[in-house]
Amino acid sequence: MGINILIVGSGAREHALTWKALQSPLTDTVFCAPGNAATGAIAINTGLQATDVEGIVRFVKEREVGLTVLGPEVAVAAGLADRLSTAGRLVFGPTRAAGRIESSKVFAKSLMNRAGVPTPAYRVFDNPASAKDFVRGERRAFVVKADGLAKGKGTLVARDAEDTLECIDMLMLRRTVGAAADRIVVEEKIEGREVSLLALVDGERILPLAPACDYKRALDGDKGPNTGGMGGYSPVSFFGPEAVERAVASVLLPIVQGLRDEGTPYRGCLYAGLMVGPQDIQALEFNARFGDPEAQVVLPRLETDLITLLEATAGGDLAGLSASWTTRSSVGVVLASRGYPGTFTTGYPIEGLGTIERDVVVFHAGASADPSGYVTAGGRVLTLVALGDSMAEARDRAYRNVDRVRFQGMTYRRDLAQREVEAPALR
């Protein structure tokens, strides 16, 4: 008899977690809270919202759920892990206090400083006039970040000093991400290549997962506004096992020890957004969860049983465990509604899903079902993921299948993983 699993969330990340959990011999039934139309086709949707803490706790008790997996940051910030732990239930995901590493950029930067983690220099402001005075005095470009949760849209990378002032106005005066920007971080702009390193953390021990690269800008060539992520790939040629070891030692371990020493041990998936420069690795940000779209390209490469790893993490018992990975590459392309991350229209039929190649996976996010099939229901609609014996093969397969899918206003980036295929010098 297996265990009942509850996956909290409704996006493509949660669809990927559900899909992977169902492959485990340890799994009996998978429930989703609330899930989406595609998870409803392979698991049981509960209709419970990710922030309905009391409703989820009741459900976990009634349905004898053996493991609850937190997907989105809002569930962490709502204190769902705290309540489930208090109720004596096994939960994969950090407490609200440990989750501040994502829910407050100011907290994260301060913790990095205290722990000696290399990170770009920064200043904190809760007054737009003071922030703008600082930038005018410096006369150069900065990265401007909303302190609170902003669905991946709270980080603005300016081109020059004037553009930095505009970014401050957008966040603090025009309030494009609302109260999340009541405080902002004005951060040194550094050069390098970004990489996402996800790791399972059981309070003390760290098990890094396969690195990935995601694409945050909406348009090809890293142009356009920041989004929640337009796709990604794994593995990363310029970030091999030695670089992972260095990042664990210099970034993840000091953070995990710092949180433990301050009385808020971290259990769950810790996501480090890193900048890899010529000399060193610097931490840009942390997320208190699996990344999206990183989960969609990393989980298909995982050969170790996912539920074994998640249970051990939640139980504080990762000692002696390791993760094995296929040597195959994965590329995931997000298909979005025209206008995302700004204003967009939904309700358009999604065509061609039945023509996708058998070993290519489509993870649903902003899609709902009607009697005739799936229709668009959000900004990021689908993540289409293909594996290949090389990055070039994975990339070709992904885009070949993207061509088979259609909905009105469908947009996507056409340059995902192109640098891996075209730039052997990176190796």
Protein backbone atom coordinates (compact mmCIF):
# COMPACT_ATOMS: atom_id res chain seq x y z
CA MET A 1 0.00 0.00 0.00
CA GLY A 2 1.48 3.32 -1.05
CA ILE A 3 1.01 6.73 0.49
CA ASN A 4 -1.37 9.49 -0.48
CA ILE A 5 0.36 12.62 -1.77
CA LEU A 6 -1.03 16.16 -1.87
CA ILE A 7 0.57 18.58 -4.35
CA VAL A 8 -0.27 22.19 -3.50
CA GLY A 9 -0.54 24.61 -6.43
CA SER A 10 -2.04 24.90 -9.90
CA GLY A 11 0.72 25.66 -12.40
CA ALA A 12 2.99 23.77 -14.79
CA ARG A 13 5.45 23.13 -11.92
CA GLU A 14 2.70 21.35 -9.97
CA HIS A 15 1.66 19.41 -13.06
CA ALA A 16 5.29 18.27 -13.40
CA LEU A 17 5.46 17.27 -9.72
CA THR A 18 2.17 15.36 -10.06
CA TRP A 19 3.39 13.60 -13.22
CA LYS A 20 6.64 12.58 -11.52
CA ALA A 21 4.97 11.54 -8.23
CA LEU A 22 2.68 9.17 -10.15
CA GLN A 23 5.75 7.34 -11.50
CA SER A 24 6.81 6.35 -7.96
CA PRO A 25 6.00 2.84 -6.63
CA LEU A 26 5.57 4.51 -3.21
CA THR A 27 2.59 6.56 -4.41
CA ASP A 28 -0.99 5.47 -3.91
CA THR A 29 -3.21 8.46 -4.77
CA VAL A 30 -2.13 11.98 -5.78
CA PHE A 31 -4.38 14.90 -4.84
CA CYS A 32 -3.86 18.48 -6.04
CA ALA A 33 -4.88 21.71 -4.29
CA PRO A 34 -6.35 23.15 -6.38
CA GLY A 35 -4.63 21.60 -9.42
CA ASN A 36 -5.57 22.43 -13.00
CA ALA A 37 -7.44 20.80 -15.86
CA ALA A 38 -4.47 18.62 -16.83
CA THR A 39 -3.72 17.40 -13.28
CA GLY A 40 -7.40 16.55 -13.03
CA ALA A 41 -6.93 14.14 -15.94
CA ILE A 42 -4.19 12.14 -14.14
CA ALA A 43 -4.83 12.83 -10.41
CA ILE A 44 -7.64 14.11 -8.16
CA ASN A 45 -8.20 17.86 -7.94
CA THR A 46 -9.53 19.02 -4.58
CA GLY A 47 -10.62 22.56 -5.46
CA LEU A 48 -8.81 23.81 -2.34
CA GLN A 49 -6.83 27.00 -2.92
CA ALA A 50 -3.08 26.95 -2.14
CA THR A 51 -3.57 29.54 0.62
CA ASP A 52 -6.55 27.80 2.28
CA VAL A 53 -4.42 26.62 5.20
CA GLU A 54 -7.21 25.33 7.44
CA GLY A 55 -9.03 23.66 4.55
CA ILE A 56 -5.86 21.85 3.46
CA VAL A 57 -5.03 20.73 7.00
CA ARG A 58 -8.55 19.28 7.35
CA PHE A 59 -8.25 17.53 3.99
CA VAL A 60 -4.85 16.03 4.86
CA LYS A 61 -6.30 14.55 8.06
CA GLU A 62 -9.51 13.29 6.44
CA ARG A 63 -7.82 11.66 3.44
CA GLU A 64 -4.82 10.36 5.42
CA VAL A 65 -2.33 12.20 3.22
CA GLY A 66 1.17 10.92 4.01
CA LEU A 67 3.11 13.73 2.34
CA THR A 68 2.12 17.27 1.34
CA VAL A 69 4.34 19.02 -1.21
CA LEU A 70 4.22 22.82 -1.36
CA GLY A 71 4.48 24.18 -4.89
CA PRO A 72 3.97 27.97 -4.97
CA GLU A 73 5.53 30.66 -2.79
CA VAL A 74 2.09 31.86 -1.63
CA ALA A 75 1.54 28.57 0.21
CA VAL A 76 4.88 29.00 2.00
CA ALA A 77 4.10 32.63 2.90
CA ALA A 78 0.65 31.59 4.19
CA GLY A 79 2.35 29.36 6.79
CA LEU A 80 0.95 26.08 5.44
CA ALA A 81 4.06 24.11 6.44
CA ASP A 82 3.85 25.50 9.98
CA ARG A 83 0.25 24.34 10.45
CA LEU A 84 0.82 20.90 8.92
CA SER A 85 3.89 20.34 11.11
CA THR A 86 1.97 21.42 14.20
CA ALA A 87 -0.71 18.90 13.22
CA GLY A 88 1.95 16.17 13.08
CA ARG A 89 1.84 15.83 9.28
CA LEU A 90 4.81 15.32 6.97
CA VAL A 91 5.29 18.36 4.72
CA PHE A 92 7.84 19.15 2.03
CA GLY A 93 8.30 22.92 2.11
CA PRO A 94 9.72 25.49 4.51
CA THR A 95 8.04 27.31 7.37
CA ARG A 96 6.90 30.87 6.85
CA ALA A 97 9.95 32.14 8.78
CA ALA A 98 12.45 30.16 6.70
CA GLY A 99 10.50 31.09 3.55
CA ARG A 100 11.28 34.77 4.12
CA ILE A 101 14.36 34.04 2.05
CA GLU A 102 11.97 34.43 -0.89
CA SER A 103 9.12 36.51 0.49
CA SER A 104 11.51 39.35 1.48
CA LYS A 105 14.44 40.35 -0.73
CA VAL A 106 15.65 42.56 2.13
CA PHE A 107 15.69 39.59 4.52
CA ALA A 108 17.54 37.46 1.95
CA LYS A 109 20.22 40.07 1.26
CA SER A 110 20.71 40.68 4.99
CA LEU A 111 21.04 36.93 5.64
CA MET A 112 23.56 36.61 2.81
CA ASN A 113 25.64 39.38 4.35
CA ARG A 114 25.49 37.80 7.80
CA ALA A 115 26.40 34.38 6.39
CA GLY A 116 29.25 35.67 4.21
CA VAL A 117 27.62 34.62 0.94
CA PRO A 118 29.01 36.46 -2.11
CA THR A 119 26.24 38.72 -3.47
CA PRO A 120 26.12 42.08 -5.29
CA ALA A 121 26.27 45.22 -3.10
CA TYR A 122 22.90 46.80 -2.37
CA ARG A 123 20.90 49.52 -0.63
CA VAL A 124 17.37 49.30 0.80
CA PHE A 125 14.80 52.11 0.37
CA ASP A 126 11.20 52.60 1.47
CA ASN A 127 10.99 56.08 -0.02
CA PRO A 128 11.13 56.63 -3.81
CA ALA A 129 12.67 60.11 -3.48
CA SER A 130 15.59 58.77 -1.40
CA ALA A 131 16.13 55.91 -3.84
CA LYS A 132 16.20 58.30 -6.80
CA ASP A 133 18.58 60.67 -5.02
CA PHE A 134 20.96 57.76 -4.48
CA VAL A 135 20.84 56.75 -8.16
CA ARG A 136 21.34 60.33 -9.35
CA GLY A 137 24.41 60.57 -7.13
CA GLU A 138 25.83 57.32 -8.53
CA ARG A 139 24.94 58.12 -12.17
CA ARG A 140 24.87 54.50 -13.37
CA ALA A 141 22.54 51.56 -13.91
CA PHE A 142 21.27 49.33 -11.10
CA VAL A 143 18.98 46.35 -10.67
CA VAL A 144 15.78 47.38 -8.84
CA LYS A 145 13.92 44.69 -6.87
CA ALA A 146 10.60 44.73 -5.05
CA ASP A 147 11.05 43.43 -1.51
CA GLY A 148 7.94 41.22 -1.48
CA LEU A 149 6.45 38.46 -3.63
CA ALA A 150 5.72 39.64 -7.17
CA LYS A 151 5.23 36.46 -9.27
CA GLY A 152 8.65 36.84 -10.89
CA LYS A 153 7.88 40.37 -12.11
CA GLY A 154 9.45 42.38 -9.29
CA THR A 155 13.03 42.50 -10.60
CA LEU A 156 13.85 45.22 -13.14
CA VAL A 157 17.26 45.40 -14.80
CA ALA A 158 18.00 48.96 -15.91
CA ARG A 159 20.11 50.00 -18.91
CA ASP A 160 21.45 53.25 -17.43
CA ALA A 161 20.84 55.73 -14.59
CA GLU A 162 17.79 57.28 -16.27
CA ASP A 163 16.26 53.86 -16.81
CA THR A 164 16.93 53.01 -13.13
CA LEU A 165 14.88 56.07 -12.12
CA GLU A 166 12.06 54.83 -14.36
CA CYS A 167 12.25 51.37 -12.72
CA ILE A 168 11.89 52.98 -9.28
CA ASP A 169 8.85 54.93 -10.52
CA MET A 170 7.27 51.79 -11.96
CA LEU A 171 7.60 49.83 -8.73
CA MET A 172 7.08 52.48 -6.06
CA LEU A 173 4.89 55.14 -7.70
CA ARG A 174 2.95 53.31 -10.42
CA ARG A 175 2.89 50.23 -8.14
CA THR A 176 3.08 47.69 -10.96
CA VAL A 177 3.48 44.90 -8.39
CA GLY A 178 1.42 46.55 -5.64
CA ALA A 179 2.47 46.44 -1.98
CA ALA A 180 5.38 44.09 -2.82
CA ALA A 181 7.35 47.26 -3.67
CA ASP A 182 6.62 49.24 -0.51
CA ARG A 183 10.33 48.59 0.06
CA ILE A 184 12.85 48.07 -2.70
CA VAL A 185 16.41 46.83 -3.04
CA VAL A 186 18.68 48.82 -5.35
CA GLU A 187 21.42 46.36 -6.28
CA GLU A 188 24.77 46.55 -8.04
CA LYS A 189 24.52 45.35 -11.64
CA ILE A 190 27.06 42.60 -12.29
CA GLU A 191 28.06 40.74 -15.44
CA GLY A 192 28.09 37.00 -16.01
CA ARG A 193 25.85 34.10 -16.91
CA GLU A 194 22.83 33.20 -14.83
CA VAL A 195 22.14 29.66 -13.66
CA SER A 196 19.49 28.15 -11.39
CA LEU A 197 20.64 25.63 -8.80
CA LEU A 198 17.85 23.82 -6.96
CA ALA A 199 18.66 21.72 -3.91
CA LEU A 200 16.78 19.54 -1.45
CA VAL A 201 17.47 20.67 2.13
CA ASP A 202 16.45 18.65 5.21
CA GLY A 203 17.30 21.31 7.78
CA GLU A 204 21.03 20.53 7.75
CA ARG A 205 22.02 18.42 4.76
CA ILE A 206 21.93 19.58 1.15
CA LEU A 207 21.32 17.46 -1.95
CA PRO A 208 21.82 19.57 -5.10
CA LEU A 209 19.69 18.81 -8.13
CA ALA A 210 20.77 19.12 -11.77
CA PRO A 211 21.47 22.77 -12.68
CA ALA A 212 19.24 24.54 -15.20
CA CYS A 213 19.07 27.84 -17.04
CA ASP A 214 15.81 29.72 -17.39
CA TYR A 215 14.86 32.71 -19.51
CA LYS A 216 13.10 35.51 -17.65
CA ARG A 217 12.72 38.12 -20.39
CA ALA A 218 9.65 37.88 -22.61
CA LEU A 219 11.38 38.27 -25.99
CA ASP A 220 14.25 36.74 -27.93
CA GLY A 221 17.70 38.10 -27.19
CA ASP A 222 16.74 38.77 -23.56
CA LYS A 223 14.61 41.75 -24.53
CA GLY A 224 11.23 42.83 -23.21
CA PRO A 225 9.87 42.77 -19.65
CA ASN A 226 10.70 40.23 -16.96
CA THR A 227 8.24 37.33 -16.70
CA GLY A 228 7.78 34.35 -14.44
CA GLY A 229 9.98 32.45 -16.92
CA MET A 230 9.68 31.70 -20.64
CA GLY A 231 11.42 28.34 -20.68
CA GLY A 232 14.71 26.70 -19.83
CA TYR A 233 17.10 23.82 -20.29
CA SER A 234 19.23 21.32 -18.37
CA PRO A 235 22.11 20.41 -18.02
CA VAL A 236 24.26 23.56 -18.22
CA SER A 237 27.58 23.22 -20.05
CA PHE A 238 29.31 26.04 -18.15
CA PHE A 239 28.16 24.81 -14.73
CA GLY A 240 29.38 21.25 -14.19
CA PRO A 241 29.82 19.13 -11.03
CA GLU A 242 32.81 21.13 -9.77
CA ALA A 243 30.89 24.42 -10.05
CA VAL A 244 27.93 22.83 -8.24
CA GLU A 245 30.24 21.80 -5.38
CA ARG A 246 31.62 25.34 -5.17
CA ALA A 247 28.13 26.83 -5.12
CA VAL A 248 26.98 24.44 -2.39
CA ALA A 249 30.02 25.32 -0.27
CA SER A 250 30.01 29.09 -0.78
CA VAL A 251 26.27 29.83 -1.16
CA LEU A 252 23.89 27.09 -0.05
CA LEU A 253 25.68 25.73 3.00
CA PRO A 254 26.19 29.12 4.72
CA ILE A 255 22.51 29.97 4.12
CA VAL A 256 21.25 26.64 5.45
CA GLN A 257 23.52 26.90 8.50
CA GLY A 258 22.50 30.52 9.03
CA LEU A 259 18.79 29.69 8.99
CA ARG A 260 19.32 26.75 11.33
CA ASP A 261 21.43 28.80 13.75
CA GLU A 262 18.77 31.53 13.84
CA GLY A 263 16.12 28.99 14.86
CA THR A 264 14.35 28.70 11.50
CA PRO A 265 15.73 25.52 9.88
CA TYR A 266 14.92 25.10 6.20
CA ARG A 267 13.23 21.97 4.85
CA GLY A 268 12.17 21.74 1.25
CA CYS A 269 13.54 22.83 -2.11
CA LEU A 270 15.89 25.80 -1.90
CA TYR A 271 16.43 27.56 -5.24
CA ALA A 272 19.51 29.70 -5.69
CA GLY A 273 19.61 32.14 -8.60
CA LEU A 274 23.33 32.48 -9.31
CA MET A 275 25.52 34.72 -11.48
CA VAL A 276 28.59 32.93 -12.77
CA GLY A 277 31.43 35.36 -13.47
CA PRO A 278 35.02 34.83 -14.62
CA GLN A 279 36.31 34.57 -11.04
CA ASP A 280 33.46 33.64 -8.73
CA ILE A 281 29.83 32.65 -8.20
CA GLN A 282 27.51 35.25 -6.68
CA ALA A 283 24.00 34.73 -5.34
CA LEU A 284 21.35 37.00 -6.87
CA GLU A 285 18.25 35.63 -5.13
CA PHE A 286 16.67 32.64 -3.45
CA ASN A 287 13.29 31.00 -3.92
CA ALA A 288 11.68 28.82 -1.25
CA ARG A 289 10.36 26.21 -3.70
CA PHE A 290 10.96 24.35 -6.95
CA GLY A 291 11.49 26.82 -9.78
CA ASP A 292 9.03 27.26 -12.61
CA PRO A 293 10.03 26.56 -15.43
CA GLU A 294 13.14 24.86 -13.93
CA ALA A 295 11.13 22.00 -12.37
CA GLN A 296 9.68 21.18 -15.78
CA VAL A 297 13.13 20.61 -17.34
CA VAL A 298 14.88 19.11 -14.28
CA LEU A 299 12.29 16.54 -13.11
CA PRO A 300 12.14 14.66 -16.47
CA ARG A 301 15.91 14.08 -16.14
CA LEU A 302 15.66 12.64 -12.60
CA GLU A 303 16.15 8.86 -12.49
CA THR A 304 15.96 8.50 -8.68
CA ASP A 305 12.50 8.01 -7.18
CA LEU A 306 11.14 11.50 -6.43
CA ILE A 307 8.94 10.50 -3.48
CA THR A 308 11.87 8.79 -1.71
CA LEU A 309 13.78 12.08 -1.93
CA LEU A 310 10.87 14.31 -0.90
CA GLU A 311 9.94 12.09 2.06
CA ALA A 312 13.54 12.02 3.30
CA THR A 313 13.82 15.79 2.96
CA ALA A 314 10.57 16.41 4.83
CA GLY A 315 11.59 13.95 7.54
CA GLY A 316 15.03 15.52 8.06
CA ASP A 317 16.79 12.39 6.84
CA LEU A 318 18.69 12.99 3.60
CA ALA A 319 21.85 11.34 5.02
CA GLY A 320 23.29 8.83 2.57
CA LEU A 321 20.86 9.65 -0.25
CA SER A 322 21.92 10.81 -3.70
CA ALA A 323 20.17 11.63 -6.96
CA SER A 324 21.00 10.11 -10.32
CA TRP A 325 20.30 11.78 -13.62
CA THR A 326 19.91 10.75 -17.22
CA THR A 327 22.71 11.98 -19.49
CA ARG A 328 20.01 13.23 -21.87
CA SER A 329 19.35 16.96 -22.23
CA SER A 330 15.99 18.65 -21.80
CA VAL A 331 14.58 21.85 -23.29
CA GLY A 332 11.29 23.36 -22.16
CA VAL A 333 9.46 26.07 -24.14
CA VAL A 334 6.73 28.14 -22.48
CA LEU A 335 3.81 28.96 -24.76
CA ALA A 336 2.24 32.19 -23.54
CA SER A 337 -0.73 34.42 -24.32
CA ARG A 338 0.02 37.51 -26.40
CA GLY A 339 0.60 40.47 -24.07
CA TYR A 340 1.98 38.43 -21.15
CA PRO A 341 3.29 39.54 -18.62
CA GLY A 342 1.01 42.56 -19.20
CA THR A 343 -2.63 42.48 -20.30
CA PHE A 344 -3.78 39.43 -22.26
CA THR A 345 -7.02 37.79 -23.40
CA THR A 346 -7.97 34.17 -22.61
CA GLY A 347 -10.58 31.62 -23.68
CA TYR A 348 -9.00 30.57 -26.98
CA PRO A 349 -9.10 26.87 -27.99
CA ILE A 350 -5.74 25.07 -27.86
CA GLU A 351 -5.27 22.89 -30.93
CA GLY A 352 -2.76 20.22 -31.84
CA LEU A 353 -2.06 18.66 -28.42
CA GLY A 354 -3.07 15.25 -29.77
CA THR A 355 -0.31 15.42 -32.41
CA ILE A 356 2.60 15.82 -29.96
CA GLU A 357 5.29 13.11 -30.19
CA ARG A 358 4.90 10.37 -27.61
CA ASP A 359 8.00 11.11 -25.52
CA VAL A 360 7.48 14.89 -25.48
CA VAL A 361 5.69 16.14 -22.35
CA VAL A 362 3.29 19.09 -22.14
CA PHE A 363 2.86 20.59 -18.67
CA HIS A 364 -0.23 22.80 -18.28
CA ALA A 365 -0.38 26.11 -16.39
CA GLY A 366 -2.91 28.62 -17.74
CA ALA A 367 -5.26 26.19 -19.46
CA SER A 368 -8.75 25.03 -18.57
CA ALA A 369 -11.01 22.36 -20.03
CA ASP A 370 -14.28 22.71 -21.86
CA PRO A 371 -16.31 20.02 -23.68
CA SER A 372 -14.25 20.43 -26.86
CA GLY A 373 -10.83 20.32 -25.21
CA TYR A 374 -8.44 22.75 -23.57
CA VAL A 375 -8.71 26.54 -23.78
CA THR A 376 -6.31 29.27 -22.65
CA ALA A 377 -6.88 30.59 -19.12
CA GLY A 378 -3.70 32.46 -18.16
CA GLY A 379 -0.52 34.23 -19.22
CA ARG A 380 1.79 31.24 -19.31
CA VAL A 381 -0.37 28.54 -20.87
CA LEU A 382 1.83 25.47 -21.44
CA THR A 383 5.44 24.30 -21.03
CA LEU A 384 6.42 21.86 -23.76
CA VAL A 385 9.45 19.73 -22.75
CA ALA A 386 11.55 17.48 -24.97
CA LEU A 387 14.52 15.25 -24.15
CA GLY A 388 17.35 14.45 -26.55
CA ASP A 389 20.70 12.65 -26.61
CA SER A 390 22.25 16.10 -27.15
CA MET A 391 21.10 19.63 -26.41
CA ALA A 392 20.72 20.20 -30.16
CA GLU A 393 18.44 17.17 -30.47
CA ALA A 394 16.35 18.19 -27.45
CA ARG A 395 16.03 21.71 -28.82
CA ASP A 396 15.06 20.55 -32.32
CA ARG A 397 12.48 18.16 -30.90
CA ALA A 398 10.99 20.80 -28.61
CA TYR A 399 10.53 23.38 -31.37
CA ARG A 400 9.33 20.76 -33.87
CA ASN A 401 6.50 19.97 -31.47
CA VAL A 402 5.83 23.62 -30.61
CA ASP A 403 4.99 23.98 -34.31
CA ARG A 404 2.19 21.43 -33.83
CA VAL A 405 0.40 23.47 -31.15
CA ARG A 406 -1.80 26.48 -31.95
CA PHE A 407 -3.96 28.97 -30.11
CA GLN A 408 -4.86 32.55 -30.96
CA GLY A 409 -2.11 34.95 -29.84
CA MET A 410 0.37 32.18 -28.98
CA THR A 411 3.83 33.61 -28.27
CA TYR A 412 7.10 31.98 -27.25
CA ARG A 413 10.82 32.55 -27.35
CA ARG A 414 12.65 30.99 -30.28
CA ASP A 415 16.17 31.20 -28.84
CA LEU A 416 16.00 28.81 -25.88
CA ALA A 417 19.23 26.77 -25.47
CA GLN A 418 20.58 28.30 -28.68
CA ARG A 419 23.75 29.44 -26.88
CA GLU A 420 24.43 25.84 -25.80
CA VAL A 421 24.14 24.57 -29.36
CA GLU A 422 25.99 27.39 -31.11
CA ALA A 423 28.75 28.34 -28.66
CA PRO A 424 31.25 25.50 -28.15
CA ALA A 425 33.61 28.07 -26.58
CA LEU A 426 31.36 28.01 -23.50
CA ARG A 427 32.44 24.45 -22.89
